[in-house]
Amino acid sequence: MLRLRIKEVAEAKGLNRSQLQRKAGVTLALLNRYWKNSVGEIRLSELEKIARALDVRAIDLLIDE
């Protein structure tokens, strides 16, 4: 099962949810869902925005558990 690592990566880079939301240009509602891993589907375009804001690849935000 895949899990998002957005919270862990953001916190390691010193960013909170609000800072990342503004930097990535995504809605706070979407980021909250991704941050808490409460998603049924992931929009790749939105994941790419978040990854660019964190200066990582989108694949780096996913982990297989």
PDB file of N, CA and C in Angstrom:
ATOM      1  N   MET A   1       0.839  -1.182   0.000  1.00  0.00           N
ATOM      2  CA  MET A   1       0.000   0.000   0.000  1.00  0.00           C
ATOM      3  C   MET A   1       0.888   1.252   0.000  1.00  0.00           C
ATOM      4  N   LEU A   2       0.549   2.203  -0.829  1.00  0.00           N
ATOM      5  CA  LEU A   2       1.323   3.446  -0.899  1.00  0.00           C
ATOM      6  C   LEU A   2       0.862   4.438   0.163  1.00  0.00           C
ATOM      7  N   ARG A   3       1.820   5.167   0.688  1.00  0.00           N
ATOM      8  CA  ARG A   3       1.530   6.215   1.671  1.00  0.00           C
ATOM      9  C   ARG A   3       2.315   7.453   1.272  1.00  0.00           C
ATOM     10  N   LEU A   4       1.703   8.608   1.480  1.00  0.00           N
ATOM     11  CA  LEU A   4       2.363   9.885   1.194  1.00  0.00           C
ATOM     12  C   LEU A   4       3.284  10.272   2.351  1.00  0.00           C
ATOM     13  N   ARG A   5       4.427  10.858   2.006  1.00  0.00           N
ATOM     14  CA  ARG A   5       5.411  11.302   2.999  1.00  0.00           C
ATOM     15  C   ARG A   5       5.533  12.825   3.034  1.00  0.00           C
ATOM     16  N   ILE A   6       4.507  13.515   2.624  1.00  0.00           N
ATOM     17  CA  ILE A   6       4.585  14.973   2.510  1.00  0.00           C
ATOM     18  C   ILE A   6       4.881  15.621   3.863  1.00  0.00           C
ATOM     19  N   LYS A   7       4.191  15.202   4.890  1.00  0.00           N
ATOM     20  CA  LYS A   7       4.397  15.790   6.218  1.00  0.00           C
ATOM     21  C   LYS A   7       5.847  15.619   6.676  1.00  0.00           C
ATOM     22  N   GLU A   8       6.368  14.399   6.548  1.00  0.00           N
ATOM     23  CA  GLU A   8       7.721  14.123   6.997  1.00  0.00           C
ATOM     24  C   GLU A   8       8.762  14.939   6.230  1.00  0.00           C
ATOM     25  N   VAL A   9       8.604  14.996   4.915  1.00  0.00           N
ATOM     26  CA  VAL A   9       9.565  15.726   4.085  1.00  0.00           C
ATOM     27  C   VAL A   9       9.482  17.230   4.382  1.00  0.00           C
ATOM     28  N   ALA A  10       8.267  17.752   4.474  1.00  0.00           N
ATOM     29  CA  ALA A  10       8.088  19.184   4.749  1.00  0.00           C
ATOM     30  C   ALA A  10       8.699  19.563   6.096  1.00  0.00           C
ATOM     31  N   GLU A  11       8.417  18.764   7.112  1.00  0.00           N
ATOM     32  CA  GLU A  11       8.944  19.076   8.444  1.00  0.00           C
ATOM     33  C   GLU A  11      10.465  18.982   8.467  1.00  0.00           C
ATOM     34  N   ALA A  12      11.037  18.036   7.732  1.00  0.00           N
ATOM     35  CA  ALA A  12      12.495  17.915   7.657  1.00  0.00           C
ATOM     36  C   ALA A  12      13.117  19.140   6.996  1.00  0.00           C
ATOM     37  N   LYS A  13      12.347  19.796   6.131  1.00  0.00           N
ATOM     38  CA  LYS A  13      12.835  21.001   5.450  1.00  0.00           C
ATOM     39  C   LYS A  13      12.406  22.278   6.172  1.00  0.00           C
ATOM     40  N   GLY A  14      11.771  22.126   7.342  1.00  0.00           N
ATOM     41  CA  GLY A  14      11.401  23.272   8.153  1.00  0.00           C
ATOM     42  C   GLY A  14      10.152  24.008   7.689  1.00  0.00           C
ATOM     43  N   LEU A  15       9.300  23.331   6.941  1.00  0.00           N
ATOM     44  CA  LEU A  15       8.070  23.962   6.449  1.00  0.00           C
ATOM     45  C   LEU A  15       6.858  23.407   7.165  1.00  0.00           C
ATOM     46  N   ASN A  16       5.951  24.303   7.555  1.00  0.00           N
ATOM     47  CA  ASN A  16       4.685  23.833   8.099  1.00  0.00           C
ATOM     48  C   ASN A  16       3.655  23.758   6.962  1.00  0.00           C
ATOM     49  N   ARG A  17       2.472  23.314   7.276  1.00  0.00           N
ATOM     50  CA  ARG A  17       1.429  23.126   6.273  1.00  0.00           C
ATOM     51  C   ARG A  17       1.087  24.408   5.526  1.00  0.00           C
ATOM     52  N   SER A  18       0.932  25.496   6.233  1.00  0.00           N
ATOM     53  CA  SER A  18       0.571  26.772   5.597  1.00  0.00           C
ATOM     54  C   SER A  18       1.662  27.269   4.665  1.00  0.00           C
ATOM     55  N   GLN A  19       2.899  27.161   5.108  1.00  0.00           N
ATOM     56  CA  GLN A  19       4.023  27.599   4.273  1.00  0.00           C
ATOM     57  C   GLN A  19       4.102  26.762   2.996  1.00  0.00           C
ATOM     58  N   LEU A  20       3.956  25.458   3.126  1.00  0.00           N
ATOM     59  CA  LEU A  20       4.007  24.582   1.962  1.00  0.00           C
ATOM     60  C   LEU A  20       2.836  24.856   1.026  1.00  0.00           C
ATOM     61  N   GLN A  21       1.673  25.080   1.565  1.00  0.00           N
ATOM     62  CA  GLN A  21       0.491  25.362   0.739  1.00  0.00           C
ATOM     63  C   GLN A  21       0.714  26.593  -0.119  1.00  0.00           C
ATOM     64  N   ARG A  22       1.242  27.642   0.463  1.00  0.00           N
ATOM     65  CA  ARG A  22       1.499  28.864  -0.295  1.00  0.00           C
ATOM     66  C   ARG A  22       2.604  28.658  -1.324  1.00  0.00           C
ATOM     67  N   LYS A  23       3.659  27.978  -0.934  1.00  0.00           N
ATOM     68  CA  LYS A  23       4.788  27.757  -1.821  1.00  0.00           C
ATOM     69  C   LYS A  23       4.415  26.856  -3.008  1.00  0.00           C
ATOM     70  N   ALA A  24       3.570  25.856  -2.765  1.00  0.00           N
ATOM     71  CA  ALA A  24       3.184  24.912  -3.817  1.00  0.00           C
ATOM     72  C   ALA A  24       2.045  25.443  -4.687  1.00  0.00           C
ATOM     73  N   GLY A  25       1.256  26.362  -4.146  1.00  0.00           N
ATOM     74  CA  GLY A  25       0.132  26.894  -4.910  1.00  0.00           C
ATOM     75  C   GLY A  25      -1.021  25.910  -5.035  1.00  0.00           C
ATOM     76  N   VAL A  26      -1.220  25.092  -4.007  1.00  0.00           N
ATOM     77  CA  VAL A  26      -2.351  24.162  -3.986  1.00  0.00           C
ATOM     78  C   VAL A  26      -3.325  24.633  -2.916  1.00  0.00           C
ATOM     79  N   THR A  27      -4.529  24.098  -2.946  1.00  0.00           N
ATOM     80  CA  THR A  27      -5.509  24.501  -1.935  1.00  0.00           C
ATOM     81  C   THR A  27      -5.139  23.890  -0.587  1.00  0.00           C
ATOM     82  N   LEU A  28      -5.519  24.570   0.467  1.00  0.00           N
ATOM     83  CA  LEU A  28      -5.240  24.061   1.803  1.00  0.00           C
ATOM     84  C   LEU A  28      -6.024  22.777   2.053  1.00  0.00           C
ATOM     85  N   ALA A  29      -7.228  22.679   1.517  1.00  0.00           N
ATOM     86  CA  ALA A  29      -8.035  21.464   1.691  1.00  0.00           C
ATOM     87  C   ALA A  29      -7.322  20.263   1.076  1.00  0.00           C
ATOM     88  N   LEU A  30      -6.787  20.425  -0.120  1.00  0.00           N
ATOM     89  CA  LEU A  30      -6.074  19.326  -0.775  1.00  0.00           C
ATOM     90  C   LEU A  30      -4.817  18.968   0.013  1.00  0.00           C
ATOM     91  N   LEU A  31      -4.048  19.963   0.395  1.00  0.00           N
ATOM     92  CA  LEU A  31      -2.824  19.696   1.141  1.00  0.00           C
ATOM     93  C   LEU A  31      -3.127  19.006   2.463  1.00  0.00           C
ATOM     94  N   ASN A  32      -4.196  19.409   3.134  1.00  0.00           N
ATOM     95  CA  ASN A  32      -4.574  18.760   4.394  1.00  0.00           C
ATOM     96  C   ASN A  32      -4.851  17.276   4.186  1.00  0.00           C
ATOM     97  N   ARG A  33      -5.563  16.936   3.111  1.00  0.00           N
ATOM     98  CA  ARG A  33      -5.850  15.526   2.825  1.00  0.00           C
ATOM     99  C   ARG A  33      -4.554  14.762   2.553  1.00  0.00           C
ATOM    100  N   TYR A  34      -3.680  15.331   1.752  1.00  0.00           N
ATOM    101  CA  TYR A  34      -2.413  14.670   1.433  1.00  0.00           C
ATOM    102  C   TYR A  34      -1.526  14.584   2.672  1.00  0.00           C
ATOM    103  N   TRP A  35      -1.506  15.634   3.467  1.00  0.00           N
ATOM    104  CA  TRP A  35      -0.680  15.707   4.683  1.00  0.00           C
ATOM    105  C   TRP A  35      -1.078  14.595   5.651  1.00  0.00           C
ATOM    106  N   LYS A  36      -2.386  14.333   5.756  1.00  0.00           N
ATOM    107  CA  LYS A  36      -2.909  13.337   6.701  1.00  0.00           C
ATOM    108  C   LYS A  36      -3.084  11.955   6.072  1.00  0.00           C
ATOM    109  N   ASN A  37      -2.732  11.827   4.782  1.00  0.00           N
ATOM    110  CA  ASN A  37      -2.890  10.560   4.066  1.00  0.00           C
ATOM    111  C   ASN A  37      -4.328  10.090   4.026  1.00  0.00           C
ATOM    112  N   SER A  38      -5.280  11.009   3.971  1.00  0.00           N
ATOM    113  CA  SER A  38      -6.677  10.609   3.852  1.00  0.00           C
ATOM    114  C   SER A  38      -7.153  10.881   2.426  1.00  0.00           C
ATOM    115  N   VAL A  39      -6.613  10.096   1.521  1.00  0.00           N
ATOM    116  CA  VAL A  39      -6.944  10.249   0.105  1.00  0.00           C
ATOM    117  C   VAL A  39      -7.270   8.897  -0.506  1.00  0.00           C
ATOM    118  N   GLY A  40      -8.195   8.917  -1.452  1.00  0.00           N
ATOM    119  CA  GLY A  40      -8.515   7.721  -2.212  1.00  0.00           C
ATOM    120  C   GLY A  40      -7.788   7.729  -3.538  1.00  0.00           C
ATOM    121  N   GLU A  41      -7.449   8.927  -3.984  1.00  0.00           N
ATOM    122  CA  GLU A  41      -6.694   9.070  -5.224  1.00  0.00           C
ATOM    123  C   GLU A  41      -5.769  10.274  -5.097  1.00  0.00           C
ATOM    124  N   ILE A  42      -4.713  10.243  -5.879  1.00  0.00           N
ATOM    125  CA  ILE A  42      -3.720  11.320  -5.850  1.00  0.00           C
ATOM    126  C   ILE A  42      -3.656  11.942  -7.230  1.00  0.00           C
ATOM    127  N   ARG A  43      -3.784  13.258  -7.289  1.00  0.00           N
ATOM    128  CA  ARG A  43      -3.633  13.971  -8.564  1.00  0.00           C
ATOM    129  C   ARG A  43      -2.145  14.215  -8.795  1.00  0.00           C
ATOM    130  N   LEU A  44      -1.639  13.629  -9.868  1.00  0.00           N
ATOM    131  CA  LEU A  44      -0.210  13.760 -10.142  1.00  0.00           C
ATOM    132  C   LEU A  44       0.208  15.207 -10.352  1.00  0.00           C
ATOM    133  N   SER A  45      -0.650  15.997 -10.977  1.00  0.00           N
ATOM    134  CA  SER A  45      -0.300  17.401 -11.202  1.00  0.00           C
ATOM    135  C   SER A  45      -0.129  18.143  -9.874  1.00  0.00           C
ATOM    136  N   GLU A  46      -0.966  17.832  -8.902  1.00  0.00           N
ATOM    137  CA  GLU A  46      -0.864  18.478  -7.591  1.00  0.00           C
ATOM    138  C   GLU A  46       0.345  17.934  -6.822  1.00  0.00           C
ATOM    139  N   LEU A  47       0.603  16.636  -6.943  1.00  0.00           N
ATOM    140  CA  LEU A  47       1.758  16.053  -6.281  1.00  0.00           C
ATOM    141  C   LEU A  47       3.050  16.648  -6.835  1.00  0.00           C
ATOM    142  N   GLU A  48       3.083  16.897  -8.130  1.00  0.00           N
ATOM    143  CA  GLU A  48       4.249  17.527  -8.754  1.00  0.00           C
ATOM    144  C   GLU A  48       4.482  18.937  -8.204  1.00  0.00           C
ATOM    145  N   LYS A  49       3.412  19.706  -8.025  1.00  0.00           N
ATOM    146  CA  LYS A  49       3.542  21.058  -7.464  1.00  0.00           C
ATOM    147  C   LYS A  49       4.141  21.010  -6.066  1.00  0.00           C
ATOM    148  N   ILE A  50       3.653  20.069  -5.271  1.00  0.00           N
ATOM    149  CA  ILE A  50       4.145  19.932  -3.903  1.00  0.00           C
ATOM    150  C   ILE A  50       5.611  19.493  -3.913  1.00  0.00           C
ATOM    151  N   ALA A  51       5.930  18.545  -4.787  1.00  0.00           N
ATOM    152  CA  ALA A  51       7.311  18.067  -4.886  1.00  0.00           C
ATOM    153  C   ALA A  51       8.255  19.196  -5.289  1.00  0.00           C
ATOM    154  N   ARG A  52       7.852  20.013  -6.265  1.00  0.00           N
ATOM    155  CA  ARG A  52       8.702  21.146  -6.675  1.00  0.00           C
ATOM    156  C   ARG A  52       8.909  22.109  -5.515  1.00  0.00           C
ATOM    157  N   ALA A  53       7.856  22.367  -4.758  1.00  0.00           N
ATOM    158  CA  ALA A  53       7.963  23.280  -3.615  1.00  0.00           C
ATOM    159  C   ALA A  53       8.913  22.733  -2.556  1.00  0.00           C
ATOM    160  N   LEU A  54       8.999  21.410  -2.469  1.00  0.00           N
ATOM    161  CA  LEU A  54       9.886  20.766  -1.491  1.00  0.00           C
ATOM    162  C   LEU A  54      11.255  20.443  -2.073  1.00  0.00           C
ATOM    163  N   ASP A  55      11.428  20.725  -3.350  1.00  0.00           N
ATOM    164  CA  ASP A  55      12.686  20.458  -4.047  1.00  0.00           C
ATOM    165  C   ASP A  55      13.049  18.972  -4.010  1.00  0.00           C
ATOM    166  N   VAL A  56      12.041  18.131  -4.281  1.00  0.00           N
ATOM    167  CA  VAL A  56      12.240  16.686  -4.386  1.00  0.00           C
ATOM    168  C   VAL A  56      11.476  16.195  -5.610  1.00  0.00           C
ATOM    169  N   ARG A  57      11.672  14.927  -5.955  1.00  0.00           N
ATOM    170  CA  ARG A  57      10.886  14.327  -7.033  1.00  0.00           C
ATOM    171  C   ARG A  57       9.553  13.843  -6.442  1.00  0.00           C
ATOM    172  N   ALA A  58       8.528  13.804  -7.267  1.00  0.00           N
ATOM    173  CA  ALA A  58       7.213  13.355  -6.798  1.00  0.00           C
ATOM    174  C   ALA A  58       7.299  11.946  -6.213  1.00  0.00           C
ATOM    175  N   ILE A  59       8.079  11.079  -6.826  1.00  0.00           N
ATOM    176  CA  ILE A  59       8.226   9.709  -6.335  1.00  0.00           C
ATOM    177  C   ILE A  59       8.813   9.664  -4.931  1.00  0.00           C
ATOM    178  N   ASP A  60       9.576  10.693  -4.561  1.00  0.00           N
ATOM    179  CA  ASP A  60      10.157  10.756  -3.219  1.00  0.00           C
ATOM    180  C   ASP A  60       9.113  11.016  -2.139  1.00  0.00           C
ATOM    181  N   LEU A  61       7.928  11.411  -2.554  1.00  0.00           N
ATOM    182  CA  LEU A  61       6.851  11.697  -1.595  1.00  0.00           C
ATOM    183  C   LEU A  61       5.963  10.481  -1.355  1.00  0.00           C
ATOM    184  N   LEU A  62       6.296   9.360  -1.985  1.00  0.00           N
ATOM    185  CA  LEU A  62       5.511   8.129  -1.827  1.00  0.00           C
ATOM    186  C   LEU A  62       6.381   7.050  -1.212  1.00  0.00           C
ATOM    187  N   ILE A  63       5.782   6.238  -0.355  1.00  0.00           N
ATOM    188  CA  ILE A  63       6.471   5.089   0.231  1.00  0.00           C
ATOM    189  C   ILE A  63       5.533   3.898   0.166  1.00  0.00           C
ATOM    190  N   ASP A  64       6.094   2.752  -0.123  1.00  0.00           N
ATOM    191  CA  ASP A  64       5.330   1.519  -0.199  1.00  0.00           C
ATOM    192  C   ASP A  64       5.436   0.798   1.135  1.00  0.00           C
ATOM    193  N   GLU A  65       4.288   0.648   1.780  1.00  0.00           N
ATOM    194  CA  GLU A  65       4.284  -0.023   3.094  1.00  0.00           C
ATOM    195  C   GLU A  65       3.626  -1.379   2.996  1.00  0.00           C
TER     196      GLU A  65
END
